[in-house]
Protein backbone atom coordinates (compact mmCIF):
# COMPACT_ATOMS: atom_id res chain seq x y z
CA MET A 1 40.32 -25.21 -1.98
CA ILE A 2 42.94 -24.03 0.50
CA ARG A 3 42.10 -23.54 4.14
CA ARG A 4 44.81 -21.62 5.99
CA ALA A 5 45.70 -21.45 9.63
CA ALA A 6 47.63 -18.26 10.50
CA MET A 7 48.31 -17.39 6.80
CA PRO A 8 47.96 -13.98 5.77
CA GLY A 9 47.46 -9.84 -28.33
CA LEU A 10 47.46 -12.15 -30.81
CA SER A 11 45.58 -9.06 -31.95
CA LEU A 12 49.04 -7.60 -32.49
CA ALA A 13 50.47 -10.67 -34.22
CA ALA A 14 50.07 -14.39 -33.84
CA GLY A 15 53.79 -14.82 -33.31
CA ALA A 16 53.83 -12.21 -30.56
CA VAL A 17 51.36 -14.16 -28.48
CA LEU A 18 53.31 -17.37 -28.93
CA LEU A 19 56.43 -15.49 -27.87
CA LEU A 20 54.68 -14.22 -24.74
CA ALA A 21 53.47 -17.69 -23.79
CA GLY A 22 56.56 -19.62 -24.78
CA CYS A 23 59.45 -17.42 -23.70
CA ALA A 24 58.33 -15.88 -20.46
CA GLY A 25 60.45 -17.05 -17.57
CA ALA A 26 59.28 -18.53 -14.32
CA PRO A 27 57.61 -16.00 -12.03
CA GLU A 28 59.76 -14.43 -9.38
CA LYS A 29 59.29 -15.67 -5.86
CA GLU A 30 57.34 -13.46 -3.51
CA THR A 31 59.57 -10.70 -2.16
CA ALA A 32 57.70 -10.33 1.10
CA THR A 33 59.78 -11.03 4.16
CA ALA A 34 57.12 -13.14 5.84
CA GLU A 35 58.63 -16.07 7.69
CA SER A 36 57.61 -19.62 6.85
CA GLY A 37 55.55 -19.75 10.02
CA ASP A 38 53.31 -16.97 8.70
CA ARG A 39 52.23 -19.17 5.77
CA PHE A 40 51.89 -22.52 7.49
CA PRO A 41 50.21 -24.77 8.28
CA VAL A 42 48.34 -25.06 4.99
CA GLU A 43 45.37 -27.39 4.91
CA LEU A 44 43.21 -28.52 2.02
CA VAL A 45 40.91 -31.32 0.95
CA ASN A 46 42.27 -32.83 -2.25
CA CYS A 47 40.36 -35.66 -3.97
CA ASP A 48 38.63 -36.35 -0.62
CA HIS A 49 42.02 -36.61 1.12
CA GLU A 50 43.00 -34.25 3.91
CA VAL A 51 46.36 -32.61 3.24
CA VAL A 52 48.12 -30.79 6.06
CA VAL A 53 51.49 -29.21 5.34
CA ALA A 54 53.00 -27.94 8.57
CA SER A 55 56.15 -26.30 7.19
CA THR A 56 57.85 -25.47 3.91
CA PRO A 57 58.30 -28.60 1.76
CA GLU A 58 61.98 -28.76 0.81
CA ARG A 59 62.10 -32.17 -0.93
CA VAL A 60 59.33 -32.54 -3.49
CA VAL A 61 58.97 -35.53 -5.79
CA THR A 62 56.79 -35.13 -8.88
CA LEU A 63 55.33 -38.16 -10.61
CA ASN A 64 54.06 -37.30 -14.11
CA GLN A 65 55.20 -34.54 -16.44
CA GLY A 66 52.26 -32.26 -15.69
CA ALA A 67 53.16 -32.06 -12.01
CA THR A 68 56.84 -31.57 -12.77
CA GLU A 69 56.17 -28.66 -15.11
CA VAL A 70 53.87 -26.95 -12.61
CA VAL A 71 56.69 -26.82 -10.05
CA LEU A 72 59.15 -25.62 -12.69
CA ALA A 73 56.73 -22.99 -13.99
CA LEU A 74 56.31 -21.64 -10.47
CA GLY A 75 60.07 -21.13 -10.32
CA LEU A 76 60.45 -23.69 -7.54
CA GLY A 77 62.52 -26.32 -9.31
CA ASP A 78 65.13 -26.09 -6.58
CA ARG A 79 62.66 -27.97 -4.35
CA LEU A 80 62.59 -31.02 -6.64
CA ALA A 81 64.30 -34.04 -5.10
CA GLY A 82 63.15 -36.36 -7.87
CA THR A 83 60.84 -36.71 -10.83
CA ALA A 84 59.50 -39.37 -13.19
CA TYR A 85 57.30 -40.17 -16.19
CA LEU A 86 57.36 -37.86 -19.22
CA ASP A 87 54.71 -37.82 -21.96
CA ASP A 88 56.88 -35.85 -24.36
CA ALA A 89 59.68 -33.28 -24.02
CA ILE A 90 59.89 -30.80 -21.16
CA SER A 91 59.29 -27.26 -22.40
CA ASP A 92 62.50 -25.64 -23.65
CA ARG A 93 62.27 -22.81 -21.13
CA TRP A 94 62.53 -25.26 -18.22
CA ALA A 95 64.71 -27.92 -19.85
CA GLN A 96 67.99 -26.72 -18.37
CA GLU A 97 66.58 -26.66 -14.85
CA TYR A 98 64.90 -30.03 -15.38
CA GLU A 99 68.28 -31.55 -16.28
CA GLN A 100 69.45 -30.87 -12.73
CA VAL A 101 66.61 -32.92 -11.17
CA PRO A 102 67.22 -36.62 -10.40
CA VAL A 103 65.06 -38.83 -12.64
CA LEU A 104 63.87 -41.71 -10.48
CA ALA A 105 62.51 -43.79 -13.38
CA ALA A 106 61.53 -43.52 -17.03
CA GLU A 107 57.99 -44.28 -15.96
CA TYR A 108 56.86 -44.75 -12.35
CA PRO A 109 59.61 -45.55 -9.82
CA THR A 110 59.33 -48.38 -7.36
CA ASN A 111 58.20 -47.55 -3.87
CA GLU A 112 61.75 -48.14 -2.65
CA ALA A 113 63.25 -45.72 -5.18
CA LEU A 114 60.68 -43.10 -4.27
CA LEU A 115 61.34 -43.37 -0.53
CA GLU A 116 65.10 -43.19 -1.10
CA ALA A 117 64.54 -39.64 -2.36
CA GLU A 118 63.19 -38.80 1.11
CA PRO A 119 60.28 -36.65 -0.11
CA ASP A 120 58.27 -34.50 2.25
CA LEU A 121 55.70 -33.90 -0.51
CA VAL A 122 54.73 -36.13 -3.44
CA TYR A 123 52.81 -34.41 -6.25
CA ALA A 124 51.26 -36.38 -9.12
CA SER A 125 48.97 -35.80 -12.07
CA TYR A 126 47.28 -39.22 -12.09
CA ALA A 127 45.87 -41.44 -9.35
CA SER A 128 47.94 -44.36 -10.65
CA ALA A 129 50.97 -42.70 -9.06
CA PHE A 130 49.56 -43.68 -5.67
CA ASP A 131 49.22 -47.36 -6.46
CA LYS A 132 50.77 -49.77 -3.97
CA GLY A 133 53.94 -50.35 -5.96
CA VAL A 134 54.65 -46.64 -6.49
CA ALA A 135 53.99 -43.91 -3.94
CA GLY A 136 51.45 -46.05 -2.10
CA ASP A 137 48.35 -45.12 -0.16
CA ARG A 138 48.17 -41.40 0.56
CA THR A 139 46.97 -41.90 4.15
CA VAL A 140 49.87 -44.25 4.85
CA LEU A 141 52.28 -41.74 3.34
CA ALA A 142 50.91 -38.98 5.55
CA GLY A 143 51.29 -41.20 8.60
CA SER A 144 54.99 -41.53 7.84
CA GLY A 145 55.43 -37.78 7.41
CA THR A 146 55.08 -37.45 3.65
CA GLN A 147 52.19 -35.33 2.42
CA SER A 148 50.80 -35.65 -1.10
CA TYR A 149 48.86 -33.70 -3.68
CA LEU A 150 47.04 -35.15 -6.68
CA SER A 151 45.92 -32.99 -9.59
CA PRO A 152 42.15 -32.58 -9.16
CA PHE A 153 41.79 -33.66 -12.81
CA GLY A 154 43.21 -37.04 -11.74
CA CYS A 155 40.91 -37.72 -8.78
CA PRO A 156 40.00 -41.43 -8.81
CA ASP A 157 36.35 -40.54 -8.13
CA GLU A 158 35.21 -38.77 -11.28
CA SER A 159 32.52 -36.89 -9.36
CA GLN A 160 35.29 -35.05 -7.50
CA ARG A 161 37.04 -33.86 -10.65
CA PRO A 162 36.47 -30.25 -11.70
CA ALA A 163 35.09 -29.42 -15.10
CA PRO A 164 38.09 -29.04 -17.42
CA THR A 165 38.50 -25.27 -17.70
CA PHE A 166 41.37 -22.82 -17.65
CA ASP A 167 40.05 -21.58 -14.31
CA ALA A 168 40.37 -25.08 -12.84
CA VAL A 169 43.96 -25.28 -14.09
CA TRP A 170 44.74 -21.96 -12.45
CA GLN A 171 43.19 -23.15 -9.18
CA GLU A 172 45.60 -26.09 -9.17
CA LEU A 173 48.52 -23.69 -9.66
CA ASP A 174 47.29 -21.65 -6.71
CA ASP A 175 46.95 -24.77 -4.55
CA VAL A 176 50.46 -25.98 -5.30
CA ALA A 177 52.00 -22.56 -4.78
CA GLU A 178 50.26 -22.30 -1.40
CA LEU A 179 51.42 -25.77 -0.38
CA LEU A 180 55.00 -24.81 -1.25
CA GLY A 181 54.75 -21.56 0.69
CA GLU A 182 55.11 -19.26 -2.34
CA PRO A 183 51.60 -18.04 -3.26
CA GLY A 184 52.91 -15.06 -5.19
CA THR A 185 54.45 -17.28 -7.85
CA SER A 186 51.10 -18.57 -9.08
CA LYS A 187 49.48 -15.13 -9.02
CA ALA A 188 52.07 -13.77 -11.44
CA LEU A 189 51.91 -16.83 -13.68
CA VAL A 190 48.11 -16.91 -13.84
CA SER A 191 47.96 -13.19 -14.65
CA GLU A 192 50.37 -13.70 -17.55
CA GLN A 193 48.40 -16.68 -18.88
CA LYS A 194 45.10 -14.78 -18.72
CA GLU A 195 46.60 -11.96 -20.77
CA THR A 196 47.85 -14.40 -23.39
CA LEU A 197 44.51 -16.23 -23.60
CA GLU A 198 42.60 -12.97 -23.98
CA SER A 199 44.78 -11.99 -26.95
CA ILE A 200 44.21 -15.38 -28.59
CA ARG A 201 40.44 -15.11 -28.19
CA ASP A 202 40.41 -11.59 -29.57
CA ALA A 203 42.32 -12.63 -32.69
CA ALA A 204 40.33 -15.87 -33.19
CA PRO A 205 42.47 -17.18 -36.08
CA GLY A 206 40.32 -20.31 -36.33
CA GLN A 207 37.05 -18.45 -36.84
CA GLY A 208 34.93 -20.17 -39.48
CA LEU A 209 37.11 -23.29 -39.59
CA THR A 210 36.17 -26.88 -38.76
CA ALA A 211 38.90 -28.93 -37.13
CA LEU A 212 39.69 -32.59 -36.56
CA TRP A 213 41.80 -33.16 -33.45
CA TYR A 214 43.63 -36.40 -34.27
CA ASP A 215 45.21 -37.97 -31.20
CA SER A 216 46.17 -41.49 -32.27
CA GLY A 217 44.96 -44.70 -33.92
CA ASP A 218 44.60 -45.69 -37.54
CA LYS A 219 41.67 -47.99 -38.28
CA THR A 220 39.66 -46.14 -35.64
CA PRO A 221 40.93 -42.66 -34.77
CA LEU A 222 41.09 -41.45 -31.19
CA VAL A 223 40.00 -37.84 -31.40
CA GLY A 224 39.63 -34.78 -29.22
CA GLY A 225 36.12 -34.64 -27.81
CA GLY A 226 34.07 -31.86 -26.31
CA GLN A 227 35.11 -31.89 -22.67
CA SER A 228 38.82 -31.29 -22.17
CA GLY A 229 41.98 -29.69 -23.51
CA PRO A 230 41.32 -30.04 -27.26
CA GLN A 231 37.89 -28.41 -26.93
CA LEU A 232 39.22 -25.60 -24.73
CA ILE A 233 42.01 -24.85 -27.20
CA LEU A 234 39.75 -24.95 -30.25
CA ASP A 235 37.24 -22.72 -28.48
CA ALA A 236 40.04 -20.28 -27.63
CA VAL A 237 41.14 -19.95 -31.26
CA GLY A 238 37.54 -19.79 -32.51
CA ALA A 239 37.49 -23.07 -34.48
CA GLU A 240 34.73 -25.68 -34.45
CA ASN A 241 35.61 -29.13 -33.18
CA MET A 242 33.94 -31.64 -35.50
CA PHE A 243 33.70 -34.15 -32.65
CA ASP A 244 32.46 -31.79 -29.96
CA ASP A 245 29.47 -34.08 -29.42
CA ILE A 246 31.74 -36.69 -27.78
CA GLU A 247 31.04 -36.12 -24.10
CA ARG A 248 34.59 -36.86 -23.01
CA GLY A 249 38.00 -35.30 -23.41
CA TRP A 250 39.02 -37.93 -25.95
CA GLY A 251 37.03 -40.66 -27.62
CA GLU A 252 36.69 -42.85 -30.67
CA GLY A 253 35.72 -41.07 -33.85
CA SER A 254 35.18 -42.56 -37.29
CA TRP A 255 36.90 -41.98 -40.59
CA GLU A 256 33.50 -42.06 -42.27
CA ASP A 257 32.48 -38.96 -40.29
CA VAL A 258 35.78 -37.30 -41.07
CA LEU A 259 35.32 -37.91 -44.79
CA ALA A 260 31.74 -36.63 -44.67
CA THR A 261 32.75 -33.44 -42.80
CA ASP A 262 36.01 -32.87 -44.70
CA PRO A 263 37.49 -30.59 -42.02
CA ASP A 264 39.41 -27.45 -42.92
CA VAL A 265 42.32 -28.25 -40.64
CA ILE A 266 43.71 -31.30 -38.84
CA VAL A 267 45.36 -30.89 -35.45
CA LEU A 268 47.95 -33.59 -34.81
CA ALA A 269 48.77 -34.43 -31.20
CA ASP A 270 52.48 -35.09 -30.78
CA ALA A 271 53.27 -37.69 -28.09
CA SER A 272 56.04 -40.18 -27.48
CA TRP A 273 53.70 -43.10 -28.25
CA SER A 274 52.09 -41.52 -31.33
CA SER A 275 54.03 -38.74 -33.03
CA ALA A 276 52.51 -36.07 -35.23
CA GLU A 277 54.89 -37.13 -38.01
CA GLU A 278 53.58 -40.70 -37.93
CA LYS A 279 49.95 -39.57 -38.11
CA ARG A 280 50.59 -37.17 -40.96
CA ALA A 281 52.40 -39.89 -42.92
CA TYR A 282 49.46 -42.24 -42.38
CA LEU A 283 46.95 -39.68 -43.67
CA GLU A 284 49.06 -38.82 -46.70
CA LYS A 285 49.63 -42.48 -47.60
CA ASP A 286 46.07 -43.74 -47.19
CA PRO A 287 44.38 -43.77 -50.63
CA VAL A 288 41.08 -42.45 -49.26
CA LEU A 289 42.12 -40.14 -46.42
CA SER A 290 44.74 -38.52 -48.62
CA GLU A 291 41.85 -37.01 -50.60
CA LEU A 292 40.72 -34.92 -47.63
CA THR A 293 40.98 -31.21 -48.42
CA ALA A 294 43.15 -30.54 -45.36
CA VAL A 295 45.55 -33.32 -46.33
CA LYS A 296 45.87 -32.14 -49.92
CA LYS A 297 46.47 -28.56 -48.78
CA GLY A 298 48.86 -29.56 -46.01
CA ALA A 299 46.56 -27.86 -43.49
CA PHE A 300 48.10 -29.49 -40.43
CA VAL A 301 48.69 -28.06 -36.99
CA THR A 302 50.92 -29.86 -34.49
CA VAL A 303 50.54 -29.58 -30.73
CA ALA A 304 52.49 -31.34 -27.99
CA TYR A 305 50.39 -33.79 -25.97
CA SER A 306 51.43 -32.02 -22.76
CA GLU A 307 50.05 -28.75 -24.16
CA ALA A 308 46.66 -30.33 -24.89
CA THR A 309 45.81 -31.69 -21.46
CA PRO A 310 44.57 -29.51 -18.60
CA GLY A 311 47.75 -28.18 -17.04
CA VAL A 312 50.23 -25.35 -16.88
CA ARG A 313 51.09 -25.61 -20.60
CA MET A 314 47.55 -25.57 -21.98
CA VAL A 315 47.69 -21.82 -22.70
CA ASP A 316 50.95 -22.51 -24.55
CA GLY A 317 49.02 -25.07 -26.59
CA ALA A 318 46.36 -22.51 -27.47
CA ALA A 319 49.06 -19.98 -28.45
CA SER A 320 50.86 -22.54 -30.61
CA VAL A 321 47.67 -23.61 -32.41
CA ALA A 322 46.70 -19.97 -32.91
CA SER A 323 50.08 -19.07 -34.37
CA GLN A 324 50.08 -22.03 -36.77
CA LEU A 325 46.53 -21.26 -37.91
CA ALA A 326 47.48 -17.65 -38.56
CA ASP A 327 50.42 -18.84 -40.66
CA LEU A 328 48.18 -21.21 -42.65
CA ASP A 329 45.68 -18.38 -43.28
CA LEU A 330 42.76 -20.72 -43.93
CA ARG A 331 39.91 -18.45 -42.83
CA PRO A 332 37.21 -17.97 -45.44
């Protein structure tokens, strides 16, 4: 949480909710005339690391797509001095702005490449970004004048990670907006996302349906479990996750259980390393799995990997799944 020093319906139509979530622009920056000094310093404890930002960060480097899209969603892409590591495609509504940001590496940049960008703040989604060969130790970075922020969902000590909820995602947005000196940007964005999520829950297009969230794998499927993005999205649309007893965000399922349950719908995660198209082709080709009711009916829903992990696009993921379910019209 931030500590400051001297700082002041999908019920209308499934497509309408998707439009609200997918086409809304970045929130406008706060119009107050408060000087930077009125908002800084900002201090917080993040993954047991003390972060002290003394003045407005002007050169931010984001390592991991989730962090990049948070900054873009807040309307602060002009602060980005570099970025790296995509899981899939940047959302269309930020793609043009993203194209103006220097890409330091396809995956993680070297420490030298990172430092050449002269960041005053490094923001990452996963602790691996602060390995020795990349950004390096956060305390060492701070000693050289570069502060850092790690998504709480990526804290290396699991006991410090928040429970995966929409509220926890919104807290991260608030933290980042405060660190960048523009708290109003997250307030507007969170308000919009709450409205969208409420409409999805009211419509509940997945009510009465059992779903398989198929992430990757063939002989043994990696599936969405009961404690992260897939569960939150399925709960939002009112569907039952057939693997909700897996006490993790993702875990190994079994095709035997899938065949026994015969789910009404199959959600296909779409990622660069395992596309939705590849998984659908596998299911349709397999002589046994092709007999699943959902496969025979073509009851597939596709969701981008970046919309299924706790982050700024998770409400978009819920809206997309809701819209596709409404189009399939599978409810009993």
